[in-house]
Amino acid sequence: MKNRGILLMIVLAIFIIATCAYAQEEMLKMEHKAFENRQRPGVTFPHAQHFATIECTACHHFYVDGENVWDESRETNCATCHGLKAEGKKMGLMKAFHENCVGCHRETKPAAGKSLPVTCGECHKKK
């Protein structure tokens, strides 16, 4: 009987670990260490809501010879390629975040008809 309980606990632990390993995070806190002295808090980003409605490559990109070759095996974020300051044709990190998010929000018309957040305070919400 005791062995069954231990076996059940092991199976349950494996199930929980496997589920967590493959699950997408619902809400991501977008707070990069590069912005330690920022005026506003980081953005709470509903990742699952976004990947349910748009292609991953609308946000994630990795360019080779001008073509976006990003796929899910590349764990990238804006800071993977963008530094704090612009370098050549690469925009700086803060501009990369803002161009990607705000640019898409301005172009997208949600089905419900309400506008998406585009101002500082709509995304960077103070507590």
Protein backbone atom coordinates (compact mmCIF):
# COMPACT_ATOMS: atom_id res chain seq x y z
CA MET A 1 0.00 0.00 0.00
CA LYS A 2 2.81 2.39 0.92
CA ASN A 3 4.63 1.59 -2.33
CA ARG A 4 1.48 2.41 -4.32
CA GLY A 5 1.30 5.84 -2.70
CA ILE A 6 4.94 6.55 -3.54
CA LEU A 7 4.44 5.33 -7.12
CA LEU A 8 1.34 7.52 -7.47
CA MET A 9 3.29 10.55 -6.18
CA ILE A 10 6.11 9.91 -8.68
CA VAL A 11 3.67 9.56 -11.60
CA LEU A 12 1.87 12.73 -10.51
CA ALA A 13 5.16 14.64 -10.22
CA ILE A 14 6.22 13.52 -13.71
CA PHE A 15 2.85 14.58 -15.12
CA ILE A 16 3.06 18.03 -13.51
CA ILE A 17 6.64 18.58 -14.68
CA ALA A 18 5.82 17.47 -18.24
CA THR A 19 2.73 19.68 -18.37
CA CYS A 20 4.66 22.72 -17.16
CA ALA A 21 7.49 22.09 -19.59
CA TYR A 22 5.18 22.20 -22.60
CA ALA A 23 2.69 24.84 -21.47
CA GLN A 24 2.93 28.41 -22.72
CA GLU A 25 2.92 31.03 -20.03
CA GLU A 26 -0.37 32.90 -19.98
CA MET A 27 1.05 36.21 -18.72
CA LEU A 28 4.65 37.34 -19.17
CA LYS A 29 6.17 40.23 -17.30
CA MET A 30 8.20 42.23 -19.82
CA GLU A 31 10.87 43.69 -17.59
CA HIS A 32 14.32 43.66 -19.10
CA LYS A 33 17.31 44.33 -16.88
CA ALA A 34 18.51 46.93 -19.39
CA PHE A 35 15.75 49.24 -18.18
CA GLU A 36 16.68 49.49 -14.51
CA ASN A 37 16.03 53.23 -14.25
CA ARG A 38 12.80 53.36 -16.20
CA GLN A 39 10.01 55.81 -15.48
CA ARG A 40 7.22 53.25 -15.79
CA PRO A 41 6.87 49.59 -14.77
CA GLY A 42 7.34 46.76 -17.24
CA VAL A 43 4.45 45.49 -19.31
CA THR A 44 2.32 42.50 -18.30
CA PHE A 45 1.98 40.73 -21.61
CA PRO A 46 -0.83 38.23 -22.35
CA HIS A 47 1.28 35.86 -24.48
CA ALA A 48 -1.34 33.12 -24.88
CA GLN A 49 -3.91 35.66 -26.09
CA HIS A 50 -1.47 36.87 -28.76
CA PHE A 51 -0.28 33.50 -30.06
CA ALA A 52 -3.90 32.36 -30.32
CA THR A 53 -4.68 35.15 -32.80
CA ILE A 54 -1.48 36.05 -34.69
CA GLU A 55 1.46 34.21 -36.21
CA CYS A 56 4.51 33.88 -33.96
CA THR A 57 6.69 35.53 -36.63
CA ALA A 58 4.62 38.70 -36.37
CA CYS A 59 6.59 39.37 -33.17
CA HIS A 60 9.51 36.95 -33.17
CA HIS A 61 12.11 37.35 -35.88
CA PHE A 62 15.60 36.24 -36.78
CA TYR A 63 16.79 37.49 -40.14
CA VAL A 64 19.24 35.77 -42.45
CA ASP A 65 19.83 37.46 -45.81
CA GLY A 66 16.74 39.63 -45.31
CA GLU A 67 14.42 36.68 -44.64
CA ASN A 68 12.81 35.93 -41.27
CA VAL A 69 13.93 32.37 -40.53
CA TRP A 70 12.76 32.32 -36.90
CA ASP A 71 11.15 29.13 -35.67
CA GLU A 72 10.22 27.83 -32.23
CA SER A 73 13.64 26.22 -31.76
CA ARG A 74 15.16 29.73 -31.50
CA GLU A 75 14.51 31.12 -28.06
CA THR A 76 14.87 34.79 -28.82
CA ASN A 77 13.59 38.01 -27.39
CA CYS A 78 14.24 41.58 -28.46
CA ALA A 79 17.44 41.77 -26.39
CA THR A 80 18.93 38.78 -28.21
CA CYS A 81 19.77 41.05 -31.15
CA HIS A 82 18.97 44.61 -30.07
CA GLY A 83 21.30 46.51 -27.75
CA LEU A 84 20.36 49.53 -25.66
CA LYS A 85 21.46 51.83 -28.46
CA ALA A 86 20.89 51.48 -32.20
CA GLU A 87 23.70 49.78 -34.10
CA GLY A 88 23.76 50.29 -37.85
CA LYS A 89 20.34 49.27 -39.20
CA LYS A 90 19.31 47.61 -35.91
CA MET A 91 17.14 49.85 -33.75
CA GLY A 92 17.77 50.16 -30.04
CA LEU A 93 16.06 47.80 -27.61
CA MET A 94 13.36 50.15 -26.33
CA LYS A 95 12.45 51.22 -29.86
CA ALA A 96 12.34 47.56 -30.93
CA PHE A 97 9.83 46.77 -28.19
CA HIS A 98 7.70 49.80 -28.96
CA GLU A 99 7.78 49.53 -32.77
CA ASN A 100 6.81 45.87 -32.60
CA CYS A 101 3.98 46.23 -30.08
CA VAL A 102 2.56 49.69 -30.68
CA GLY A 103 3.01 49.41 -34.45
CA CYS A 104 0.98 46.22 -34.54
CA HIS A 105 -1.66 47.62 -32.18
CA ARG A 106 -2.16 50.65 -34.41
CA GLU A 107 -2.59 48.49 -37.51
CA THR A 108 -4.86 45.86 -35.94
CA LYS A 109 -8.60 46.31 -35.66
CA PRO A 110 -9.98 43.86 -33.10
CA ALA A 111 -13.23 42.06 -33.86
CA ALA A 112 -14.86 43.56 -30.78
CA GLY A 113 -14.31 47.03 -32.20
CA LYS A 114 -12.43 48.46 -29.23
CA SER A 115 -8.97 49.85 -29.79
CA LEU A 116 -5.81 48.14 -28.59
CA PRO A 117 -3.44 49.86 -26.14
CA VAL A 118 -0.99 52.30 -27.74
CA THR A 119 -0.23 54.93 -25.09
CA CYS A 120 2.40 54.55 -22.38
CA GLY A 121 -0.07 54.24 -19.52
CA GLU A 122 -2.24 51.68 -21.30
CA CYS A 123 0.62 49.16 -21.38
CA HIS A 124 2.92 50.31 -18.57
CA LYS A 125 0.36 50.31 -15.78
CA LYS A 126 1.41 51.78 -12.47
CA LYS A 127 0.23 49.78 -9.47
